[in-house]
Amino acid sequence: MAELPASEFMQQTAVERLFNRAFGWLVSAGLASRNCALLEVVGRKSGRHFSTPIYLLIIDDRTFLVCPRGRSQWVRNAEANGKVWLKRRGERIEYVLRPVSDADRPQVLRAYLDRFKFIVQRYFPIPAGSPATAFVPIADRYPVYQLKRGDSHVVRSPDSVADAIR
């Protein structure tokens, strides 16, 4: 299992980058589960748009975004801008990031690992099914945000043919 310092993140391998590109296309086309989305951020230095597929944790109508790799580039870009966009099924919606408090982070991490254990277990030194208290010593290693709908309205992607006909 992974051991991740608080200030670092686990780099993707070449195979993971290739998989994420293919999976990202499936997610943006709406061919993945409702817990998947294509996360879009604006580069903090370049101003370019970057995207990566992510898994969303939904608890009681609240949406949480977790980075199991640690403080990745998308996390740094999102924190610099304070907002992200989620693209799913032809829709692109803006969200504002709300960092989850240190007190609540272990419960969210536990739920995230339990929900997506087959995909993200390798990034956690604690096995799925562990109590939330087991996450307290490592919670600062994993960025966790609650997503709140931004001010902008839903923007339909131009490749959504069904919407163009209506």
N, C-alpha and C. Protein backbone atom coordinates (compact mmCIF):
# COMPACT_ATOMS: atom_id res chain seq x y z
N MET A 1 0.83 -1.18 0.00
CA MET A 1 0.00 0.00 0.00
C MET A 1 0.88 1.24 0.00
N ALA A 2 0.34 2.34 -0.46
CA ALA A 2 1.10 3.56 -0.65
C ALA A 2 1.40 4.27 0.66
N GLU A 3 2.54 4.90 0.69
CA GLU A 3 2.90 5.80 1.79
C GLU A 3 3.19 7.14 1.14
N LEU A 4 2.40 8.13 1.44
CA LEU A 4 2.42 9.39 0.72
C LEU A 4 2.66 10.55 1.68
N PRO A 5 3.78 11.29 1.53
CA PRO A 5 3.99 12.48 2.36
C PRO A 5 2.90 13.52 2.10
N ALA A 6 2.63 14.35 3.09
CA ALA A 6 1.54 15.32 3.00
C ALA A 6 1.70 16.30 1.85
N SER A 7 2.92 16.66 1.48
CA SER A 7 3.12 17.69 0.47
C SER A 7 3.33 17.14 -0.93
N GLU A 8 3.31 15.84 -1.11
CA GLU A 8 3.61 15.26 -2.41
C GLU A 8 2.40 14.53 -2.99
N PHE A 9 2.59 14.01 -4.19
CA PHE A 9 1.56 13.21 -4.82
C PHE A 9 2.21 12.11 -5.63
N MET A 10 1.43 11.11 -5.96
CA MET A 10 1.93 9.98 -6.74
C MET A 10 1.76 10.29 -8.22
N GLN A 11 2.85 10.26 -8.96
CA GLN A 11 2.82 10.51 -10.40
C GLN A 11 2.12 9.36 -11.13
N GLN A 12 1.50 9.68 -12.24
CA GLN A 12 0.89 8.66 -13.09
C GLN A 12 1.97 7.97 -13.91
N THR A 13 1.74 6.70 -14.17
CA THR A 13 2.62 5.99 -15.09
C THR A 13 2.13 6.27 -16.51
N ALA A 14 2.92 5.88 -17.49
CA ALA A 14 2.52 6.07 -18.89
C ALA A 14 1.24 5.30 -19.20
N VAL A 15 1.10 4.11 -18.65
CA VAL A 15 -0.11 3.30 -18.86
C VAL A 15 -1.31 4.00 -18.24
N GLU A 16 -1.14 4.57 -17.05
CA GLU A 16 -2.25 5.27 -16.39
C GLU A 16 -2.66 6.51 -17.20
N ARG A 17 -1.70 7.23 -17.75
CA ARG A 17 -2.03 8.40 -18.58
C ARG A 17 -2.83 7.98 -19.81
N LEU A 18 -2.43 6.91 -20.45
CA LEU A 18 -3.15 6.41 -21.62
C LEU A 18 -4.56 5.97 -21.24
N PHE A 19 -4.68 5.23 -20.14
CA PHE A 19 -5.99 4.78 -19.67
C PHE A 19 -6.87 5.99 -19.35
N ASN A 20 -6.32 7.00 -18.67
CA ASN A 20 -7.12 8.16 -18.29
C ASN A 20 -7.61 8.93 -19.50
N ARG A 21 -6.83 8.98 -20.56
CA ARG A 21 -7.30 9.65 -21.79
C ARG A 21 -8.49 8.91 -22.38
N ALA A 22 -8.36 7.60 -22.48
CA ALA A 22 -9.46 6.80 -23.03
C ALA A 22 -10.69 6.85 -22.12
N PHE A 23 -10.46 6.70 -20.83
CA PHE A 23 -11.56 6.73 -19.87
C PHE A 23 -12.20 8.11 -19.83
N GLY A 24 -11.40 9.16 -19.94
CA GLY A 24 -11.92 10.52 -19.97
C GLY A 24 -12.87 10.74 -21.14
N TRP A 25 -12.53 10.17 -22.27
CA TRP A 25 -13.42 10.29 -23.44
C TRP A 25 -14.75 9.60 -23.15
N LEU A 26 -14.71 8.41 -22.55
CA LEU A 26 -15.94 7.68 -22.21
C LEU A 26 -16.79 8.45 -21.20
N VAL A 27 -16.13 9.03 -20.22
CA VAL A 27 -16.84 9.79 -19.19
C VAL A 27 -17.52 11.02 -19.79
N SER A 28 -16.79 11.79 -20.60
CA SER A 28 -17.37 13.00 -21.18
C SER A 28 -18.50 12.67 -22.15
N ALA A 29 -18.45 11.49 -22.73
CA ALA A 29 -19.52 11.07 -23.64
C ALA A 29 -20.72 10.52 -22.89
N GLY A 30 -20.61 10.40 -21.56
CA GLY A 30 -21.73 9.89 -20.77
C GLY A 30 -21.81 8.38 -20.73
N LEU A 31 -20.72 7.70 -21.03
CA LEU A 31 -20.73 6.24 -21.08
C LEU A 31 -20.14 5.61 -19.82
N ALA A 32 -20.13 6.36 -18.72
CA ALA A 32 -19.61 5.85 -17.45
C ALA A 32 -20.69 6.04 -16.39
N SER A 33 -20.44 5.54 -15.19
CA SER A 33 -21.43 5.65 -14.12
C SER A 33 -21.64 7.10 -13.71
N ARG A 34 -22.70 7.34 -12.96
CA ARG A 34 -23.03 8.71 -12.55
C ARG A 34 -22.02 9.27 -11.56
N ASN A 35 -21.18 8.42 -10.98
CA ASN A 35 -20.15 8.87 -10.05
C ASN A 35 -18.88 9.32 -10.77
N CYS A 36 -18.85 9.21 -12.06
CA CYS A 36 -17.68 9.61 -12.84
C CYS A 36 -17.96 10.93 -13.55
N ALA A 37 -16.92 11.73 -13.68
CA ALA A 37 -17.04 13.00 -14.41
C ALA A 37 -15.68 13.35 -14.96
N LEU A 38 -15.67 14.22 -15.93
CA LEU A 38 -14.42 14.75 -16.45
C LEU A 38 -14.23 16.10 -15.77
N LEU A 39 -13.19 16.19 -14.95
CA LEU A 39 -12.88 17.41 -14.22
C LEU A 39 -12.04 18.31 -15.10
N GLU A 40 -12.46 19.57 -15.25
CA GLU A 40 -11.71 20.53 -16.03
C GLU A 40 -11.25 21.66 -15.12
N VAL A 41 -9.98 22.04 -15.26
CA VAL A 41 -9.40 23.15 -14.50
C VAL A 41 -8.60 24.03 -15.45
N VAL A 42 -8.39 25.27 -15.02
CA VAL A 42 -7.56 26.20 -15.78
C VAL A 42 -6.19 26.23 -15.12
N GLY A 43 -5.15 26.10 -15.94
CA GLY A 43 -3.79 26.09 -15.42
C GLY A 43 -3.46 27.39 -14.71
N ARG A 44 -2.87 27.28 -13.54
CA ARG A 44 -2.56 28.45 -12.72
C ARG A 44 -1.46 29.32 -13.32
N LYS A 45 -0.61 28.74 -14.15
CA LYS A 45 0.48 29.50 -14.77
C LYS A 45 0.23 29.72 -16.25
N SER A 46 -0.20 28.67 -16.94
CA SER A 46 -0.36 28.73 -18.39
C SER A 46 -1.70 29.30 -18.84
N GLY A 47 -2.74 29.16 -18.02
CA GLY A 47 -4.07 29.57 -18.43
C GLY A 47 -4.76 28.57 -19.34
N ARG A 48 -4.08 27.47 -19.66
CA ARG A 48 -4.66 26.42 -20.52
C ARG A 48 -5.67 25.61 -19.73
N HIS A 49 -6.59 24.99 -20.44
CA HIS A 49 -7.57 24.11 -19.82
C HIS A 49 -7.03 22.68 -19.79
N PHE A 50 -7.15 22.05 -18.64
CA PHE A 50 -6.73 20.66 -18.48
C PHE A 50 -7.91 19.86 -17.98
N SER A 51 -7.95 18.58 -18.34
CA SER A 51 -9.04 17.73 -17.87
C SER A 51 -8.51 16.37 -17.44
N THR A 52 -9.23 15.78 -16.51
CA THR A 52 -8.89 14.45 -16.02
C THR A 52 -10.15 13.77 -15.51
N PRO A 53 -10.29 12.48 -15.72
CA PRO A 53 -11.47 11.79 -15.19
C PRO A 53 -11.34 11.63 -13.68
N ILE A 54 -12.45 11.78 -12.97
CA ILE A 54 -12.46 11.65 -11.52
C ILE A 54 -13.69 10.87 -11.07
N TYR A 55 -13.65 10.42 -9.84
CA TYR A 55 -14.78 9.76 -9.21
C TYR A 55 -15.34 10.68 -8.15
N LEU A 56 -16.64 10.94 -8.21
CA LEU A 56 -17.31 11.81 -7.26
C LEU A 56 -17.97 10.98 -6.18
N LEU A 57 -17.84 11.44 -4.95
CA LEU A 57 -18.50 10.80 -3.82
C LEU A 57 -19.74 11.62 -3.49
N ILE A 58 -20.89 11.00 -3.53
CA ILE A 58 -22.14 11.70 -3.25
C ILE A 58 -22.71 11.13 -1.95
N ILE A 59 -22.86 12.03 -0.96
CA ILE A 59 -23.41 11.65 0.34
C ILE A 59 -24.52 12.64 0.67
N ASP A 60 -25.73 12.14 0.83
CA ASP A 60 -26.88 12.99 1.20
C ASP A 60 -26.98 14.23 0.33
N ASP A 61 -26.97 14.05 -0.96
CA ASP A 61 -27.08 15.15 -1.94
C ASP A 61 -25.93 16.15 -1.88
N ARG A 62 -24.84 15.79 -1.22
CA ARG A 62 -23.65 16.62 -1.21
C ARG A 62 -22.60 15.90 -2.04
N THR A 63 -21.89 16.65 -2.88
CA THR A 63 -20.90 16.07 -3.77
C THR A 63 -19.50 16.42 -3.28
N PHE A 64 -18.68 15.37 -3.15
CA PHE A 64 -17.31 15.54 -2.67
C PHE A 64 -16.33 15.12 -3.75
N LEU A 65 -15.22 15.85 -3.78
CA LEU A 65 -14.14 15.59 -4.72
C LEU A 65 -12.90 15.28 -3.89
N VAL A 66 -12.30 14.12 -4.15
CA VAL A 66 -11.12 13.66 -3.41
C VAL A 66 -10.02 13.37 -4.42
N CYS A 67 -8.80 13.73 -4.08
CA CYS A 67 -7.66 13.36 -4.92
C CYS A 67 -6.85 12.30 -4.19
N PRO A 68 -7.02 11.03 -4.56
CA PRO A 68 -6.32 9.96 -3.86
C PRO A 68 -4.81 9.97 -4.09
N ARG A 69 -4.35 10.67 -5.10
CA ARG A 69 -2.91 10.75 -5.38
C ARG A 69 -2.21 11.82 -4.55
N GLY A 70 -2.96 12.64 -3.84
CA GLY A 70 -2.36 13.72 -3.06
C GLY A 70 -2.49 15.05 -3.78
N ARG A 71 -1.56 15.96 -3.57
CA ARG A 71 -1.62 17.31 -4.14
C ARG A 71 -1.14 17.33 -5.59
N SER A 72 -1.98 16.80 -6.45
CA SER A 72 -1.67 16.71 -7.88
C SER A 72 -1.75 18.09 -8.53
N GLN A 73 -1.42 18.13 -9.80
CA GLN A 73 -1.46 19.39 -10.54
C GLN A 73 -2.89 19.93 -10.63
N TRP A 74 -3.87 19.04 -10.84
CA TRP A 74 -5.23 19.55 -10.92
C TRP A 74 -5.67 20.15 -9.60
N VAL A 75 -5.21 19.60 -8.48
CA VAL A 75 -5.53 20.15 -7.17
C VAL A 75 -4.94 21.55 -7.04
N ARG A 76 -3.69 21.71 -7.41
CA ARG A 76 -3.03 23.01 -7.30
C ARG A 76 -3.69 24.04 -8.21
N ASN A 77 -4.06 23.62 -9.41
CA ASN A 77 -4.75 24.53 -10.33
C ASN A 77 -6.13 24.91 -9.80
N ALA A 78 -6.86 23.92 -9.28
CA ALA A 78 -8.20 24.18 -8.76
C ALA A 78 -8.15 25.10 -7.55
N GLU A 79 -7.17 24.89 -6.68
CA GLU A 79 -7.05 25.76 -5.50
C GLU A 79 -6.70 27.19 -5.91
N ALA A 80 -5.87 27.34 -6.92
CA ALA A 80 -5.49 28.67 -7.38
C ALA A 80 -6.68 29.42 -7.97
N ASN A 81 -7.57 28.70 -8.66
CA ASN A 81 -8.73 29.32 -9.30
C ASN A 81 -9.97 29.33 -8.41
N GLY A 82 -10.05 28.38 -7.49
CA GLY A 82 -11.21 28.30 -6.61
C GLY A 82 -12.42 27.67 -7.25
N LYS A 83 -12.27 27.25 -8.50
CA LYS A 83 -13.41 26.63 -9.18
C LYS A 83 -12.94 25.58 -10.16
N VAL A 84 -13.87 24.69 -10.49
CA VAL A 84 -13.63 23.62 -11.47
C VAL A 84 -14.90 23.47 -12.29
N TRP A 85 -14.81 22.71 -13.35
CA TRP A 85 -15.97 22.37 -14.16
C TRP A 85 -16.05 20.86 -14.22
N LEU A 86 -17.26 20.34 -14.16
CA LEU A 86 -17.48 18.92 -14.34
C LEU A 86 -18.24 18.74 -15.64
N LYS A 87 -17.75 17.83 -16.45
CA LYS A 87 -18.38 17.55 -17.73
C LYS A 87 -18.88 16.11 -17.71
N ARG A 88 -20.18 15.97 -17.96
CA ARG A 88 -20.81 14.66 -18.04
C ARG A 88 -22.00 14.73 -18.98
N ARG A 89 -22.14 13.71 -19.78
CA ARG A 89 -23.30 13.57 -20.65
C ARG A 89 -23.63 14.85 -21.42
N GLY A 90 -22.60 15.50 -21.96
CA GLY A 90 -22.82 16.68 -22.79
C GLY A 90 -23.03 17.97 -22.02
N GLU A 91 -22.99 17.93 -20.69
CA GLU A 91 -23.14 19.15 -19.89
C GLU A 91 -21.81 19.51 -19.24
N ARG A 92 -21.58 20.79 -19.13
CA ARG A 92 -20.38 21.30 -18.46
C ARG A 92 -20.87 22.30 -17.41
N ILE A 93 -20.66 21.96 -16.13
CA ILE A 93 -21.18 22.77 -15.03
C ILE A 93 -20.04 23.27 -14.16
N GLU A 94 -20.10 24.54 -13.81
CA GLU A 94 -19.08 25.15 -12.95
C GLU A 94 -19.40 24.88 -11.48
N TYR A 95 -18.34 24.58 -10.71
CA TYR A 95 -18.47 24.37 -9.27
C TYR A 95 -17.41 25.17 -8.54
N VAL A 96 -17.75 25.59 -7.34
CA VAL A 96 -16.82 26.26 -6.45
C VAL A 96 -16.33 25.22 -5.44
N LEU A 97 -15.04 25.27 -5.14
CA LEU A 97 -14.45 24.33 -4.18
C LEU A 97 -14.64 24.84 -2.76
N ARG A 98 -15.06 23.94 -1.89
CA ARG A 98 -15.15 24.24 -0.46
C ARG A 98 -14.32 23.18 0.25
N PRO A 99 -13.14 23.54 0.78
CA PRO A 99 -12.34 22.54 1.48
C PRO A 99 -13.11 21.93 2.64
N VAL A 100 -13.01 20.63 2.78
CA VAL A 100 -13.66 19.94 3.90
C VAL A 100 -12.79 20.13 5.13
N SER A 101 -13.41 20.39 6.26
CA SER A 101 -12.67 20.65 7.49
C SER A 101 -11.85 19.44 7.91
N ASP A 102 -10.80 19.70 8.67
CA ASP A 102 -9.94 18.62 9.16
C ASP A 102 -10.74 17.62 9.98
N ALA A 103 -11.74 18.09 10.72
CA ALA A 103 -12.55 17.20 11.55
C ALA A 103 -13.43 16.26 10.72
N ASP A 104 -13.89 16.73 9.56
CA ASP A 104 -14.79 15.93 8.72
C ASP A 104 -14.06 15.10 7.67
N ARG A 105 -12.83 15.44 7.39
CA ARG A 105 -12.08 14.78 6.32
C ARG A 105 -11.96 13.26 6.52
N PRO A 106 -11.65 12.74 7.72
CA PRO A 106 -11.53 11.28 7.87
C PRO A 106 -12.81 10.52 7.49
N GLN A 107 -13.98 11.07 7.82
CA GLN A 107 -15.23 10.39 7.47
C GLN A 107 -15.43 10.36 5.96
N VAL A 108 -15.09 11.45 5.29
CA VAL A 108 -15.24 11.51 3.84
C VAL A 108 -14.24 10.57 3.17
N LEU A 109 -13.00 10.55 3.66
CA LEU A 109 -12.00 9.64 3.09
C LEU A 109 -12.41 8.19 3.27
N ARG A 110 -12.94 7.87 4.42
CA ARG A 110 -13.40 6.49 4.68
C ARG A 110 -14.49 6.11 3.68
N ALA A 111 -15.48 6.98 3.52
CA ALA A 111 -16.58 6.71 2.58
C ALA A 111 -16.06 6.59 1.15
N TYR A 112 -15.12 7.44 0.79
CA TYR A 112 -14.54 7.41 -0.56
C TYR A 112 -13.81 6.10 -0.82
N LEU A 113 -12.97 5.70 0.13
CA LEU A 113 -12.23 4.45 -0.03
C LEU A 113 -13.17 3.25 -0.04
N ASP A 114 -14.16 3.25 0.82
CA ASP A 114 -15.12 2.15 0.83
C ASP A 114 -15.89 2.06 -0.48
N ARG A 115 -16.26 3.21 -1.04
CA ARG A 115 -17.06 3.24 -2.28
C ARG A 115 -16.24 2.85 -3.52
N PHE A 116 -14.97 3.30 -3.57
CA PHE A 116 -14.15 3.09 -4.76
C PHE A 116 -12.91 2.24 -4.47
N LYS A 117 -13.03 1.31 -3.55
CA LYS A 117 -11.86 0.55 -3.08
C LYS A 117 -11.11 -0.18 -4.19
N PHE A 118 -11.79 -0.71 -5.16
CA PHE A 118 -11.11 -1.46 -6.21
C PHE A 118 -10.25 -0.56 -7.10
N ILE A 119 -10.55 0.73 -7.11
CA ILE A 119 -9.85 1.67 -7.96
C ILE A 119 -8.77 2.43 -7.19
N VAL A 120 -9.07 2.82 -5.95
CA VAL A 120 -8.16 3.73 -5.22
C VAL A 120 -7.46 3.11 -4.02
N GLN A 121 -7.68 1.87 -3.71
CA GLN A 121 -7.05 1.27 -2.52
C GLN A 121 -5.54 1.40 -2.54
N ARG A 122 -4.93 1.32 -3.69
CA ARG A 122 -3.47 1.36 -3.77
C ARG A 122 -2.88 2.70 -3.35
N TYR A 123 -3.70 3.74 -3.26
CA TYR A 123 -3.21 5.05 -2.84
C TYR A 123 -3.33 5.28 -1.33
N PHE A 124 -3.94 4.34 -0.63
CA PHE A 124 -4.16 4.49 0.80
C PHE A 124 -3.42 3.40 1.58
N PRO A 125 -2.72 3.78 2.67
CA PRO A 125 -2.04 2.78 3.49
C PRO A 125 -2.98 2.08 4.47
N ILE A 126 -4.25 2.42 4.43
CA ILE A 126 -5.27 1.85 5.31
C ILE A 126 -6.23 1.05 4.44
N PRO A 127 -6.59 -0.15 4.87
CA PRO A 127 -7.51 -0.95 4.05
C PRO A 127 -8.95 -0.42 4.10
N ALA A 128 -9.66 -0.63 3.01
CA ALA A 128 -11.08 -0.29 2.96
C ALA A 128 -11.78 -1.03 4.09
N GLY A 129 -12.80 -0.39 4.66
CA GLY A 129 -13.53 -0.98 5.76
C GLY A 129 -13.01 -0.56 7.13
N SER A 130 -11.90 0.17 7.15
CA SER A 130 -11.34 0.66 8.41
C SER A 130 -12.25 1.76 8.98
N PRO A 131 -12.21 1.95 10.30
CA PRO A 131 -13.02 3.02 10.88
C PRO A 131 -12.46 4.39 10.51
N ALA A 132 -13.30 5.41 10.59
CA ALA A 132 -12.88 6.77 10.24
C ALA A 132 -11.71 7.23 11.10
N THR A 133 -11.61 6.77 12.32
CA THR A 133 -10.51 7.18 13.20
C THR A 133 -9.15 6.75 12.65
N ALA A 134 -9.11 5.69 11.85
CA ALA A 134 -7.85 5.23 11.26
C ALA A 134 -7.33 6.22 10.23
N PHE A 135 -8.19 7.08 9.70
CA PHE A 135 -7.80 8.05 8.67
C PHE A 135 -7.28 9.36 9.27
N VAL A 136 -7.46 9.57 10.55
CA VAL A 136 -7.04 10.83 11.18
C VAL A 136 -5.56 11.12 10.95
N PRO A 137 -4.63 10.16 11.18
CA PRO A 137 -3.21 10.49 11.01
C PRO A 137 -2.79 10.78 9.55
N ILE A 138 -3.56 10.34 8.59
CA ILE A 138 -3.17 10.52 7.19
C ILE A 138 -4.08 11.48 6.42
N ALA A 139 -5.08 12.01 7.05
CA ALA A 139 -6.09 12.82 6.36
C ALA A 139 -5.50 14.04 5.68
N ASP A 140 -4.42 14.61 6.23
CA ASP A 140 -3.84 15.81 5.61
C ASP A 140 -3.12 15.52 4.30
N ARG A 141 -2.94 14.27 3.96
CA ARG A 141 -2.27 13.89 2.71
C ARG A 141 -3.18 13.93 1.50
N TYR A 142 -4.48 13.96 1.76
CA TYR A 142 -5.45 13.82 0.68
C TYR A 142 -6.36 15.05 0.60
N PRO A 143 -6.28 15.81 -0.49
CA PRO A 143 -7.18 16.96 -0.66
C PRO A 143 -8.63 16.48 -0.80
N VAL A 144 -9.51 17.12 -0.03
CA VAL A 144 -10.94 16.77 -0.04
C VAL A 144 -11.74 18.07 -0.11
N TYR A 145 -12.67 18.13 -1.06
CA TYR A 145 -13.48 19.32 -1.25
C TYR A 145 -14.95 18.93 -1.38
N GLN A 146 -15.80 19.82 -0.91
CA GLN A 146 -17.21 19.71 -1.24
C GLN A 146 -17.44 20.65 -2.40
N LEU A 147 -18.20 20.21 -3.38
CA LEU A 147 -18.47 21.03 -4.56
C LEU A 147 -19.81 21.73 -4.40
N LYS A 148 -19.80 23.02 -4.65
CA LYS A 148 -21.02 23.83 -4.65
C LYS A 148 -21.20 24.39 -6.04
N ARG A 149 -22.41 24.33 -6.53
CA ARG A 149 -22.71 24.83 -7.87
C ARG A 149 -22.29 26.28 -7.99
N GLY A 150 -21.58 26.60 -9.07
CA GLY A 150 -21.12 27.97 -9.31
C GLY A 150 -22.23 28.86 -9.82
N ASP A 151 -21.88 30.11 -10.09
CA ASP A 151 -22.86 31.09 -10.57
C ASP A 151 -23.28 30.87 -12.00
N SER A 152 -22.39 30.30 -12.79
CA SER A 152 -22.72 30.15 -14.20
C SER A 152 -23.76 29.06 -14.40
N HIS A 153 -24.49 29.16 -15.45
CA HIS A 153 -25.53 28.18 -15.76
C HIS A 153 -24.91 26.97 -16.46
N VAL A 154 -25.72 25.97 -16.62
CA VAL A 154 -25.29 24.78 -17.33
C VAL A 154 -24.99 25.16 -18.77
N VAL A 155 -23.86 24.72 -19.26
CA VAL A 155 -23.48 24.98 -20.64
C VAL A 155 -23.50 23.65 -21.38
N ARG A 156 -24.33 23.56 -22.36
CA ARG A 156 -24.39 22.34 -23.16
C ARG A 156 -23.21 22.32 -24.12
N SER A 157 -22.60 21.17 -24.23
CA SER A 157 -21.49 21.03 -25.16
C SER A 157 -22.02 21.04 -26.58
N PRO A 158 -21.25 21.61 -27.52
CA PRO A 158 -21.72 21.70 -28.90
C PRO A 158 -21.88 20.34 -29.56
N ASP A 159 -21.25 19.29 -29.00
CA ASP A 159 -21.38 17.96 -29.61
C ASP A 159 -22.64 17.25 -29.18
N SER A 160 -23.51 17.92 -28.44
CA SER A 160 -24.77 17.33 -27.99
C SER A 160 -25.82 17.54 -29.07
N VAL A 161 -25.95 16.61 -29.97
CA VAL A 161 -26.84 16.72 -31.10
C VAL A 161 -28.31 16.78 -30.67
N ALA A 162 -28.68 16.00 -29.67
CA ALA A 162 -30.07 15.97 -29.21
C ALA A 162 -30.53 17.35 -28.74
N ASP A 163 -29.66 18.10 -28.12
CA ASP A 163 -30.02 19.44 -27.64
C ASP A 163 -30.13 20.43 -28.79
N ALA A 164 -29.36 20.25 -29.83
CA ALA A 164 -29.40 21.15 -30.97
C ALA A 164 -30.72 21.04 -31.73
N ILE A 165 -31.33 19.84 -31.67
CA ILE A 165 -32.57 19.60 -32.41
C ILE A 165 -33.76 20.22 -31.68
N ARG A 166 -33.72 20.28 -30.35
CA ARG A 166 -34.86 20.78 -29.56
C ARG A 166 -35.13 22.22 -29.76
